[in-house]
Amino acid sequence: MREADFREWLGQRLWKGNPLTKKAKDNRVRRSGRAERGLKGLGFKQDTLEAVFEAGLWDALIARLSELKTDPAADLSVIRSVVPQAEEPAGQLANMIAALKQYGYFL
């Protein structure tokens, strides 16, 4: 993950007309990093988000996370690969999806 570049890019974004707060930027970076660490558990052979993007699998990554978010019978071990301590995984997965969409725009 290109953390420093992503942080810089986020620093230029606005939310409701205001620059993103440090906390907002930190959350987006943290969630994207967590997704990257969980790629293998999600079934991707790539090691980085950039490799997933370059392989043309970005939409598949977003779709996989969306599927996990909405499927009550989803494999808990797969969910735990990206949100290991979530009591309510759907909410954290929704936030992760939103962060990854921004990372995709950044890439």
PDB file of N, CA and C in Angstrom:
ATOM      1  N   MET A   1       0.839  -1.176   0.000  1.00  0.00           N
ATOM      2  CA  MET A   1       0.000   0.000   0.000  1.00  0.00           C
ATOM      3  C   MET A   1       0.886   1.242   0.000  1.00  0.00           C
ATOM      4  N   ARG A   2       0.513   2.175  -0.802  1.00  0.00           N
ATOM      5  CA  ARG A   2       1.267   3.434  -0.900  1.00  0.00           C
ATOM      6  C   ARG A   2       0.709   4.427   0.120  1.00  0.00           C
ATOM      7  N   GLU A   3       1.000   4.151   1.383  1.00  0.00           N
ATOM      8  CA  GLU A   3       0.389   4.896   2.481  1.00  0.00           C
ATOM      9  C   GLU A   3       0.673   6.396   2.433  1.00  0.00           C
ATOM     10  N   ALA A   4       1.928   6.777   2.282  1.00  0.00           N
ATOM     11  CA  ALA A   4       2.270   8.206   2.290  1.00  0.00           C
ATOM     12  C   ALA A   4       1.589   8.948   1.137  1.00  0.00           C
ATOM     13  N   ASP A   5       1.606   8.352  -0.041  1.00  0.00           N
ATOM     14  CA  ASP A   5       0.960   8.977  -1.202  1.00  0.00           C
ATOM     15  C   ASP A   5      -0.548   9.065  -1.007  1.00  0.00           C
ATOM     16  N   PHE A   6      -1.134   8.006  -0.439  1.00  0.00           N
ATOM     17  CA  PHE A   6      -2.578   7.994  -0.193  1.00  0.00           C
ATOM     18  C   PHE A   6      -2.946   9.068   0.828  1.00  0.00           C
ATOM     19  N   ARG A   7      -2.156   9.185   1.892  1.00  0.00           N
ATOM     20  CA  ARG A   7      -2.410  10.228   2.892  1.00  0.00           C
ATOM     21  C   ARG A   7      -2.357  11.625   2.255  1.00  0.00           C
ATOM     22  N   GLU A   8      -1.364  11.832   1.404  1.00  0.00           N
ATOM     23  CA  GLU A   8      -1.240  13.124   0.724  1.00  0.00           C
ATOM     24  C   GLU A   8      -2.461  13.376  -0.158  1.00  0.00           C
ATOM     25  N   TRP A   9      -2.885  12.352  -0.894  1.00  0.00           N
ATOM     26  CA  TRP A   9      -4.059  12.466  -1.760  1.00  0.00           C
ATOM     27  C   TRP A   9      -5.305  12.772  -0.925  1.00  0.00           C
ATOM     28  N   LEU A  10      -5.452  12.063   0.198  1.00  0.00           N
ATOM     29  CA  LEU A  10      -6.600  12.306   1.075  1.00  0.00           C
ATOM     30  C   LEU A  10      -6.581  13.736   1.620  1.00  0.00           C
ATOM     31  N   GLY A  11      -5.369  14.267   1.832  1.00  0.00           N
ATOM     32  CA  GLY A  11      -5.241  15.627   2.336  1.00  0.00           C
ATOM     33  C   GLY A  11      -5.791  16.678   1.385  1.00  0.00           C
ATOM     34  N   GLN A  12      -5.996  16.303   0.149  1.00  0.00           N
ATOM     35  CA  GLN A  12      -6.533  17.222  -0.854  1.00  0.00           C
ATOM     36  C   GLN A  12      -8.037  17.039  -1.058  1.00  0.00           C
ATOM     37  N   ARG A  13      -8.622  16.049  -0.386  1.00  0.00           N
ATOM     38  CA  ARG A  13     -10.043  15.771  -0.534  1.00  0.00           C
ATOM     39  C   ARG A  13     -10.862  16.614   0.433  1.00  0.00           C
ATOM     40  N   LEU A  14     -12.090  16.863   0.053  1.00  0.00           N
ATOM     41  CA  LEU A  14     -13.029  17.600   0.897  1.00  0.00           C
ATOM     42  C   LEU A  14     -14.207  16.708   1.256  1.00  0.00           C
ATOM     43  N   TRP A  15     -14.741  16.913   2.443  1.00  0.00           N
ATOM     44  CA  TRP A  15     -15.964  16.236   2.874  1.00  0.00           C
ATOM     45  C   TRP A  15     -16.917  17.332   3.314  1.00  0.00           C
ATOM     46  N   LYS A  16     -18.018  17.469   2.593  1.00  0.00           N
ATOM     47  CA  LYS A  16     -18.999  18.515   2.853  1.00  0.00           C
ATOM     48  C   LYS A  16     -18.338  19.897   2.864  1.00  0.00           C
ATOM     49  N   GLY A  17     -17.408  20.082   1.930  1.00  0.00           N
ATOM     50  CA  GLY A  17     -16.763  21.369   1.761  1.00  0.00           C
ATOM     51  C   GLY A  17     -15.574  21.622   2.669  1.00  0.00           C
ATOM     52  N   ASN A  18     -15.253  20.689   3.542  1.00  0.00           N
ATOM     53  CA  ASN A  18     -14.140  20.859   4.476  1.00  0.00           C
ATOM     54  C   ASN A  18     -13.081  19.795   4.243  1.00  0.00           C
ATOM     55  N   PRO A  19     -11.814  20.134   4.511  1.00  0.00           N
ATOM     56  CA  PRO A  19     -10.760  19.118   4.398  1.00  0.00           C
ATOM     57  C   PRO A  19     -11.024  17.968   5.370  1.00  0.00           C
ATOM     58  N   LEU A  20     -10.586  16.787   4.997  1.00  0.00           N
ATOM     59  CA  LEU A  20     -10.725  15.640   5.888  1.00  0.00           C
ATOM     60  C   LEU A  20      -9.906  15.865   7.151  1.00  0.00           C
ATOM     61  N   THR A  21     -10.442  15.438   8.273  1.00  0.00           N
ATOM     62  CA  THR A  21      -9.706  15.534   9.528  1.00  0.00           C
ATOM     63  C   THR A  21      -8.608  14.482   9.556  1.00  0.00           C
ATOM     64  N   LYS A  22      -7.666  14.644  10.476  1.00  0.00           N
ATOM     65  CA  LYS A  22      -6.611  13.649  10.645  1.00  0.00           C
ATOM     66  C   LYS A  22      -7.218  12.292  10.966  1.00  0.00           C
ATOM     67  N   LYS A  23      -8.228  12.273  11.822  1.00  0.00           N
ATOM     68  CA  LYS A  23      -8.881  11.011  12.196  1.00  0.00           C
ATOM     69  C   LYS A  23      -9.512  10.344  10.977  1.00  0.00           C
ATOM     70  N   ALA A  24     -10.164  11.115  10.141  1.00  0.00           N
ATOM     71  CA  ALA A  24     -10.800  10.565   8.938  1.00  0.00           C
ATOM     72  C   ALA A  24      -9.754   9.963   8.001  1.00  0.00           C
ATOM     73  N   LYS A  25      -8.639  10.678   7.831  1.00  0.00           N
ATOM     74  CA  LYS A  25      -7.565  10.154   6.973  1.00  0.00           C
ATOM     75  C   LYS A  25      -6.969   8.893   7.589  1.00  0.00           C
ATOM     76  N   ASP A  26      -6.715   8.919   8.892  1.00  0.00           N
ATOM     77  CA  ASP A  26      -6.157   7.748   9.574  1.00  0.00           C
ATOM     78  C   ASP A  26      -7.068   6.532   9.437  1.00  0.00           C
ATOM     79  N   ASN A  27      -8.376   6.740   9.579  1.00  0.00           N
ATOM     80  CA  ASN A  27      -9.328   5.633   9.446  1.00  0.00           C
ATOM     81  C   ASN A  27      -9.300   5.029   8.048  1.00  0.00           C
ATOM     82  N   ARG A  28      -9.253   5.850   7.032  1.00  0.00           N
ATOM     83  CA  ARG A  28      -9.235   5.349   5.656  1.00  0.00           C
ATOM     84  C   ARG A  28      -7.946   4.569   5.377  1.00  0.00           C
ATOM     85  N   VAL A  29      -6.835   5.098   5.865  1.00  0.00           N
ATOM     86  CA  VAL A  29      -5.555   4.415   5.668  1.00  0.00           C
ATOM     87  C   VAL A  29      -5.555   3.090   6.434  1.00  0.00           C
ATOM     88  N   ARG A  30      -6.022   3.110   7.669  1.00  0.00           N
ATOM     89  CA  ARG A  30      -6.039   1.896   8.497  1.00  0.00           C
ATOM     90  C   ARG A  30      -6.933   0.812   7.869  1.00  0.00           C
ATOM     91  N   ARG A  31      -8.084   1.192   7.407  1.00  0.00           N
ATOM     92  CA  ARG A  31      -9.008   0.208   6.819  1.00  0.00           C
ATOM     93  C   ARG A  31      -8.449  -0.362   5.512  1.00  0.00           C
ATOM     94  N   SER A  32      -7.810   0.477   4.737  1.00  0.00           N
ATOM     95  CA  SER A  32      -7.209  -0.012   3.489  1.00  0.00           C
ATOM     96  C   SER A  32      -6.063  -0.970   3.793  1.00  0.00           C
ATOM     97  N   GLY A  33      -5.255  -0.635   4.779  1.00  0.00           N
ATOM     98  CA  GLY A  33      -4.160  -1.520   5.180  1.00  0.00           C
ATOM     99  C   GLY A  33      -4.657  -2.849   5.707  1.00  0.00           C
ATOM    100  N   ARG A  34      -5.744  -2.802   6.466  1.00  0.00           N
ATOM    101  CA  ARG A  34      -6.330  -4.036   6.981  1.00  0.00           C
ATOM    102  C   ARG A  34      -6.822  -4.916   5.835  1.00  0.00           C
ATOM    103  N   ALA A  35      -7.432  -4.299   4.833  1.00  0.00           N
ATOM    104  CA  ALA A  35      -7.882  -5.060   3.661  1.00  0.00           C
ATOM    105  C   ALA A  35      -6.697  -5.691   2.948  1.00  0.00           C
ATOM    106  N   GLU A  36      -5.613  -4.933   2.826  1.00  0.00           N
ATOM    107  CA  GLU A  36      -4.424  -5.466   2.159  1.00  0.00           C
ATOM    108  C   GLU A  36      -3.872  -6.668   2.922  1.00  0.00           C
ATOM    109  N   ARG A  37      -3.820  -6.575   4.236  1.00  0.00           N
ATOM    110  CA  ARG A  37      -3.317  -7.699   5.034  1.00  0.00           C
ATOM    111  C   ARG A  37      -4.218  -8.933   4.926  1.00  0.00           C
ATOM    112  N   GLY A  38      -5.486  -8.723   4.610  1.00  0.00           N
ATOM    113  CA  GLY A  38      -6.432  -9.831   4.525  1.00  0.00           C
ATOM    114  C   GLY A  38      -6.657 -10.382   3.125  1.00  0.00           C
ATOM    115  N   LEU A  39      -5.881  -9.932   2.153  1.00  0.00           N
ATOM    116  CA  LEU A  39      -6.107 -10.371   0.768  1.00  0.00           C
ATOM    117  C   LEU A  39      -6.086 -11.884   0.617  1.00  0.00           C
ATOM    118  N   LYS A  40      -5.126 -12.549   1.238  1.00  0.00           N
ATOM    119  CA  LYS A  40      -5.025 -14.019   1.120  1.00  0.00           C
ATOM    120  C   LYS A  40      -6.276 -14.682   1.687  1.00  0.00           C
ATOM    121  N   GLY A  41      -6.718 -14.210   2.844  1.00  0.00           N
ATOM    122  CA  GLY A  41      -7.917 -14.762   3.464  1.00  0.00           C
ATOM    123  C   GLY A  41      -9.165 -14.547   2.635  1.00  0.00           C
ATOM    124  N   LEU A  42      -9.148 -13.508   1.819  1.00  0.00           N
ATOM    125  CA  LEU A  42     -10.282 -13.227   0.937  1.00  0.00           C
ATOM    126  C   LEU A  42     -10.215 -14.035  -0.357  1.00  0.00           C
ATOM    127  N   GLY A  43      -9.097 -14.738  -0.552  1.00  0.00           N
ATOM    128  CA  GLY A  43      -8.966 -15.572  -1.742  1.00  0.00           C
ATOM    129  C   GLY A  43      -8.178 -14.961  -2.878  1.00  0.00           C
ATOM    130  N   PHE A  44      -7.474 -13.874  -2.615  1.00  0.00           N
ATOM    131  CA  PHE A  44      -6.667 -13.231  -3.653  1.00  0.00           C
ATOM    132  C   PHE A  44      -5.220 -13.689  -3.528  1.00  0.00           C
ATOM    133  N   LYS A  45      -4.570 -13.913  -4.651  1.00  0.00           N
ATOM    134  CA  LYS A  45      -3.179 -14.349  -4.617  1.00  0.00           C
ATOM    135  C   LYS A  45      -2.211 -13.172  -4.535  1.00  0.00           C
ATOM    136  N   GLN A  46      -2.688 -11.968  -4.833  1.00  0.00           N
ATOM    137  CA  GLN A  46      -1.850 -10.779  -4.800  1.00  0.00           C
ATOM    138  C   GLN A  46      -1.533 -10.404  -3.351  1.00  0.00           C
ATOM    139  N   ASP A  47      -0.382  -9.759  -3.170  1.00  0.00           N
ATOM    140  CA  ASP A  47       0.054  -9.351  -1.833  1.00  0.00           C
ATOM    141  C   ASP A  47      -0.255  -7.898  -1.509  1.00  0.00           C
ATOM    142  N   THR A  48      -0.543  -7.098  -2.531  1.00  0.00           N
ATOM    143  CA  THR A  48      -0.778  -5.671  -2.299  1.00  0.00           C
ATOM    144  C   THR A  48      -2.046  -5.220  -3.012  1.00  0.00           C
ATOM    145  N   LEU A  49      -2.583  -4.112  -2.533  1.00  0.00           N
ATOM    146  CA  LEU A  49      -3.747  -3.538  -3.192  1.00  0.00           C
ATOM    147  C   LEU A  49      -3.407  -3.094  -4.604  1.00  0.00           C
ATOM    148  N   GLU A  50      -2.191  -2.595  -4.782  1.00  0.00           N
ATOM    149  CA  GLU A  50      -1.765  -2.175  -6.124  1.00  0.00           C
ATOM    150  C   GLU A  50      -1.753  -3.354  -7.088  1.00  0.00           C
ATOM    151  N   ALA A  51      -1.295  -4.513  -6.610  1.00  0.00           N
ATOM    152  CA  ALA A  51      -1.257  -5.709  -7.462  1.00  0.00           C
ATOM    153  C   ALA A  51      -2.670  -6.159  -7.826  1.00  0.00           C
ATOM    154  N   VAL A  52      -3.603  -6.052  -6.894  1.00  0.00           N
ATOM    155  CA  VAL A  52      -5.000  -6.383  -7.183  1.00  0.00           C
ATOM    156  C   VAL A  52      -5.532  -5.432  -8.248  1.00  0.00           C
ATOM    157  N   PHE A  53      -5.255  -4.157  -8.094  1.00  0.00           N
ATOM    158  CA  PHE A  53      -5.700  -3.141  -9.054  1.00  0.00           C
ATOM    159  C   PHE A  53      -5.112  -3.397 -10.436  1.00  0.00           C
ATOM    160  N   GLU A  54      -3.800  -3.622 -10.472  1.00  0.00           N
ATOM    161  CA  GLU A  54      -3.111  -3.838 -11.750  1.00  0.00           C
ATOM    162  C   GLU A  54      -3.556  -5.122 -12.441  1.00  0.00           C
ATOM    163  N   ALA A  55      -3.992  -6.115 -11.661  1.00  0.00           N
ATOM    164  CA  ALA A  55      -4.479  -7.370 -12.234  1.00  0.00           C
ATOM    165  C   ALA A  55      -5.919  -7.254 -12.736  1.00  0.00           C
ATOM    166  N   GLY A  56      -6.512  -6.082 -12.574  1.00  0.00           N
ATOM    167  CA  GLY A  56      -7.892  -5.887 -13.023  1.00  0.00           C
ATOM    168  C   GLY A  56      -8.917  -6.524 -12.103  1.00  0.00           C
ATOM    169  N   LEU A  57      -8.545  -6.719 -10.831  1.00  0.00           N
ATOM    170  CA  LEU A  57      -9.422  -7.411  -9.884  1.00  0.00           C
ATOM    171  C   LEU A  57     -10.016  -6.491  -8.822  1.00  0.00           C
ATOM    172  N   TRP A  58      -9.898  -5.183  -9.038  1.00  0.00           N
ATOM    173  CA  TRP A  58     -10.392  -4.246  -8.029  1.00  0.00           C
ATOM    174  C   TRP A  58     -11.883  -4.423  -7.787  1.00  0.00           C
ATOM    175  N   ASP A  59     -12.655  -4.515  -8.864  1.00  0.00           N
ATOM    176  CA  ASP A  59     -14.103  -4.690  -8.716  1.00  0.00           C
ATOM    177  C   ASP A  59     -14.417  -6.013  -8.017  1.00  0.00           C
ATOM    178  N   ALA A  60     -13.618  -7.045  -8.268  1.00  0.00           N
ATOM    179  CA  ALA A  60     -13.821  -8.338  -7.608  1.00  0.00           C
ATOM    180  C   ALA A  60     -13.556  -8.219  -6.107  1.00  0.00           C
ATOM    181  N   LEU A  61     -12.567  -7.432  -5.722  1.00  0.00           N
ATOM    182  CA  LEU A  61     -12.278  -7.219  -4.302  1.00  0.00           C
ATOM    183  C   LEU A  61     -13.454  -6.516  -3.628  1.00  0.00           C
ATOM    184  N   ILE A  62     -13.942  -5.454  -4.230  1.00  0.00           N
ATOM    185  CA  ILE A  62     -15.087  -4.721  -3.675  1.00  0.00           C
ATOM    186  C   ILE A  62     -16.310  -5.640  -3.607  1.00  0.00           C
ATOM    187  N   ALA A  63     -16.529  -6.423  -4.661  1.00  0.00           N
ATOM    188  CA  ALA A  63     -17.674  -7.338  -4.688  1.00  0.00           C
ATOM    189  C   ALA A  63     -17.556  -8.406  -3.600  1.00  0.00           C
ATOM    190  N   ARG A  64     -16.358  -8.923  -3.391  1.00  0.00           N
ATOM    191  CA  ARG A  64     -16.143  -9.953  -2.357  1.00  0.00           C
ATOM    192  C   ARG A  64     -16.463  -9.393  -0.978  1.00  0.00           C
ATOM    193  N   LEU A  65     -15.990  -8.207  -0.692  1.00  0.00           N
ATOM    194  CA  LEU A  65     -16.276  -7.588   0.607  1.00  0.00           C
ATOM    195  C   LEU A  65     -17.766  -7.271   0.748  1.00  0.00           C
ATOM    196  N   SER A  66     -18.396  -6.826  -0.333  1.00  0.00           N
ATOM    197  CA  SER A  66     -19.834  -6.532  -0.306  1.00  0.00           C
ATOM    198  C   SER A  66     -20.632  -7.797  -0.053  1.00  0.00           C
ATOM    199  N   GLU A  67     -20.200  -8.875  -0.669  1.00  0.00           N
ATOM    200  CA  GLU A  67     -20.854 -10.168  -0.467  1.00  0.00           C
ATOM    201  C   GLU A  67     -20.755 -10.598   0.998  1.00  0.00           C
ATOM    202  N   LEU A  68     -19.596 -10.471   1.570  1.00  0.00           N
ATOM    203  CA  LEU A  68     -19.409 -10.833   2.978  1.00  0.00           C
ATOM    204  C   LEU A  68     -20.265  -9.962   3.886  1.00  0.00           C
ATOM    205  N   LYS A  69     -20.405  -8.699   3.525  1.00  0.00           N
ATOM    206  CA  LYS A  69     -21.180  -7.758   4.340  1.00  0.00           C
ATOM    207  C   LYS A  69     -22.652  -8.128   4.380  1.00  0.00           C
ATOM    208  N   THR A  70     -23.173  -8.641   3.273  1.00  0.00           N
ATOM    209  CA  THR A  70     -24.611  -8.888   3.184  1.00  0.00           C
ATOM    210  C   THR A  70     -25.021 -10.339   3.391  1.00  0.00           C
ATOM    211  N   ASP A  71     -24.063 -11.263   3.420  1.00  0.00           N
ATOM    212  CA  ASP A  71     -24.391 -12.690   3.533  1.00  0.00           C
ATOM    213  C   ASP A  71     -24.323 -13.147   4.982  1.00  0.00           C
ATOM    214  N   PRO A  72     -25.487 -13.409   5.602  1.00  0.00           N
ATOM    215  CA  PRO A  72     -25.476 -13.839   6.993  1.00  0.00           C
ATOM    216  C   PRO A  72     -24.808 -15.207   7.202  1.00  0.00           C
ATOM    217  N   ALA A  73     -24.685 -15.983   6.137  1.00  0.00           N
ATOM    218  CA  ALA A  73     -24.066 -17.303   6.238  1.00  0.00           C
ATOM    219  C   ALA A  73     -22.607 -17.289   5.789  1.00  0.00           C
ATOM    220  N   ALA A  74     -22.032 -16.092   5.672  1.00  0.00           N
ATOM    221  CA  ALA A  74     -20.648 -15.974   5.195  1.00  0.00           C
ATOM    222  C   ALA A  74     -19.692 -16.664   6.170  1.00  0.00           C
ATOM    223  N   ASP A  75     -18.622 -17.166   5.620  1.00  0.00           N
ATOM    224  CA  ASP A  75     -17.594 -17.847   6.403  1.00  0.00           C
ATOM    225  C   ASP A  75     -16.940 -16.847   7.361  1.00  0.00           C
ATOM    226  N   LEU A  76     -17.111 -17.088   8.649  1.00  0.00           N
ATOM    227  CA  LEU A  76     -16.592 -16.173   9.650  1.00  0.00           C
ATOM    228  C   LEU A  76     -15.068 -16.050   9.593  1.00  0.00           C
ATOM    229  N   SER A  77     -14.378 -17.124   9.213  1.00  0.00           N
ATOM    230  CA  SER A  77     -12.908 -17.044   9.142  1.00  0.00           C
ATOM    231  C   SER A  77     -12.472 -16.085   8.031  1.00  0.00           C
ATOM    232  N   VAL A  78     -13.247 -16.010   6.973  1.00  0.00           N
ATOM    233  CA  VAL A  78     -12.934 -15.073   5.890  1.00  0.00           C
ATOM    234  C   VAL A  78     -13.188 -13.645   6.373  1.00  0.00           C
ATOM    235  N   ILE A  79     -14.291 -13.441   7.045  1.00  0.00           N
ATOM    236  CA  ILE A  79     -14.603 -12.114   7.585  1.00  0.00           C
ATOM    237  C   ILE A  79     -13.510 -11.683   8.560  1.00  0.00           C
ATOM    238  N   ARG A  80     -13.075 -12.600   9.405  1.00  0.00           N
ATOM    239  CA  ARG A  80     -12.047 -12.292  10.408  1.00  0.00           C
ATOM    240  C   ARG A  80     -10.690 -11.986   9.767  1.00  0.00           C
ATOM    241  N   SER A  81     -10.495 -12.369   8.521  1.00  0.00           N
ATOM    242  CA  SER A  81      -9.232 -12.049   7.853  1.00  0.00           C
ATOM    243  C   SER A  81      -9.088 -10.546   7.615  1.00  0.00           C
ATOM    244  N   VAL A  82     -10.212  -9.826   7.587  1.00  0.00           N
ATOM    245  CA  VAL A  82     -10.144  -8.378   7.358  1.00  0.00           C
ATOM    246  C   VAL A  82     -10.664  -7.549   8.534  1.00  0.00           C
ATOM    247  N   VAL A  83     -11.577  -8.081   9.301  1.00  0.00           N
ATOM    248  CA  VAL A  83     -12.084  -7.375  10.493  1.00  0.00           C
ATOM    249  C   VAL A  83     -12.053  -8.358  11.675  1.00  0.00           C
ATOM    250  N   PRO A  84     -10.854  -8.619  12.182  1.00  0.00           N
ATOM    251  CA  PRO A  84     -10.663  -9.692  13.146  1.00  0.00           C
ATOM    252  C   PRO A  84     -11.411  -9.553  14.466  1.00  0.00           C
ATOM    253  N   GLN A  85     -11.693  -8.352  14.908  1.00  0.00           N
ATOM    254  CA  GLN A  85     -12.314  -8.195  16.220  1.00  0.00           C
ATOM    255  C   GLN A  85     -13.695  -7.560  16.168  1.00  0.00           C
ATOM    256  N   ALA A  86     -14.275  -7.500  14.996  1.00  0.00           N
ATOM    257  CA  ALA A  86     -15.557  -6.814  14.847  1.00  0.00           C
ATOM    258  C   ALA A  86     -16.690  -7.576  15.508  1.00  0.00           C
ATOM    259  N   GLU A  87     -17.433  -6.877  16.354  1.00  0.00           N
ATOM    260  CA  GLU A  87     -18.641  -7.466  16.930  1.00  0.00           C
ATOM    261  C   GLU A  87     -19.774  -7.418  15.908  1.00  0.00           C
ATOM    262  N   GLU A  88     -19.801  -6.362  15.127  1.00  0.00           N
ATOM    263  CA  GLU A  88     -20.779  -6.185  14.050  1.00  0.00           C
ATOM    264  C   GLU A  88     -20.003  -6.030  12.743  1.00  0.00           C
ATOM    265  N   PRO A  89     -19.604  -7.139  12.107  1.00  0.00           N
ATOM    266  CA  PRO A  89     -18.752  -7.045  10.914  1.00  0.00           C
ATOM    267  C   PRO A  89     -19.350  -6.242   9.760  1.00  0.00           C
ATOM    268  N   ALA A  90     -20.658  -6.254   9.608  1.00  0.00           N
ATOM    269  CA  ALA A  90     -21.266  -5.564   8.464  1.00  0.00           C
ATOM    270  C   ALA A  90     -20.914  -4.077   8.456  1.00  0.00           C
ATOM    271  N   GLY A  91     -20.956  -3.439   9.609  1.00  0.00           N
ATOM    272  CA  GLY A  91     -20.630  -2.019   9.689  1.00  0.00           C
ATOM    273  C   GLY A  91     -19.171  -1.746   9.356  1.00  0.00           C
ATOM    274  N   GLN A  92     -18.280  -2.568   9.907  1.00  0.00           N
ATOM    275  CA  GLN A  92     -16.864  -2.375   9.618  1.00  0.00           C
ATOM    276  C   GLN A  92     -16.545  -2.695   8.165  1.00  0.00           C
ATOM    277  N   LEU A  93     -17.209  -3.702   7.617  1.00  0.00           N
ATOM    278  CA  LEU A  93     -16.995  -4.018   6.198  1.00  0.00           C
ATOM    279  C   LEU A  93     -17.495  -2.883   5.315  1.00  0.00           C
ATOM    280  N   ALA A  94     -18.612  -2.273   5.688  1.00  0.00           N
ATOM    281  CA  ALA A  94     -19.131  -1.137   4.906  1.00  0.00           C
ATOM    282  C   ALA A  94     -18.119   0.012   4.912  1.00  0.00           C
ATOM    283  N   ASN A  95     -17.536   0.286   6.074  1.00  0.00           N
ATOM    284  CA  ASN A  95     -16.528   1.341   6.164  1.00  0.00           C
ATOM    285  C   ASN A  95     -15.280   0.987   5.357  1.00  0.00           C
ATOM    286  N   MET A  96     -14.901  -0.286   5.383  1.00  0.00           N
ATOM    287  CA  MET A  96     -13.735  -0.730   4.625  1.00  0.00           C
ATOM    288  C   MET A  96     -13.984  -0.585   3.125  1.00  0.00           C
ATOM    289  N   ILE A  97     -15.158  -0.953   2.689  1.00  0.00           N
ATOM    290  CA  ILE A  97     -15.511  -0.833   1.271  1.00  0.00           C
ATOM    291  C   ILE A  97     -15.420   0.631   0.838  1.00  0.00           C
ATOM    292  N   ALA A  98     -15.950   1.531   1.663  1.00  0.00           N
ATOM    293  CA  ALA A  98     -15.903   2.960   1.333  1.00  0.00           C
ATOM    294  C   ALA A  98     -14.451   3.444   1.239  1.00  0.00           C
ATOM    295  N   ALA A  99     -13.611   3.009   2.183  1.00  0.00           N
ATOM    296  CA  ALA A  99     -12.196   3.407   2.154  1.00  0.00           C
ATOM    297  C   ALA A  99     -11.505   2.852   0.930  1.00  0.00           C
ATOM    298  N   LEU A 100     -11.799   1.598   0.586  1.00  0.00           N
ATOM    299  CA  LEU A 100     -11.155   0.979  -0.580  1.00  0.00           C
ATOM    300  C   LEU A 100     -11.613   1.634  -1.881  1.00  0.00           C
ATOM    301  N   LYS A 101     -12.849   2.051  -1.928  1.00  0.00           N
ATOM    302  CA  LYS A 101     -13.302   2.773  -3.128  1.00  0.00           C
ATOM    303  C   LYS A 101     -12.477   4.041  -3.312  1.00  0.00           C
ATOM    304  N   GLN A 102     -12.187   4.729  -2.200  1.00  0.00           N
ATOM    305  CA  GLN A 102     -11.343   5.917  -2.304  1.00  0.00           C
ATOM    306  C   GLN A 102      -9.936   5.536  -2.717  1.00  0.00           C
ATOM    307  N   TYR A 103      -9.414   4.427  -2.185  1.00  0.00           N
ATOM    308  CA  TYR A 103      -8.079   3.997  -2.564  1.00  0.00           C
ATOM    309  C   TYR A 103      -8.054   3.664  -4.056  1.00  0.00           C
ATOM    310  N   GLY A 104      -9.118   3.062  -4.552  1.00  0.00           N
ATOM    311  CA  GLY A 104      -9.221   2.781  -5.982  1.00  0.00           C
ATOM    312  C   GLY A 104      -9.213   4.059  -6.818  1.00  0.00           C
ATOM    313  N   TYR A 105      -9.919   5.084  -6.364  1.00  0.00           N
ATOM    314  CA  TYR A 105      -9.883   6.374  -7.069  1.00  0.00           C
ATOM    315  C   TYR A 105      -8.474   6.942  -7.036  1.00  0.00           C
ATOM    316  N   PHE A 106      -7.815   6.804  -5.899  1.00  0.00           N
ATOM    317  CA  PHE A 106      -6.427   7.273  -5.758  1.00  0.00           C
ATOM    318  C   PHE A 106      -5.517   6.558  -6.768  1.00  0.00           C
ATOM    319  N   LEU A 107      -5.664   5.237  -6.848  1.00  0.00           N
ATOM    320  CA  LEU A 107      -4.814   4.492  -7.786  1.00  0.00           C
ATOM    321  C   LEU A 107      -5.122   4.868  -9.221  1.00  0.00           C
TER     322      LEU A 107
END
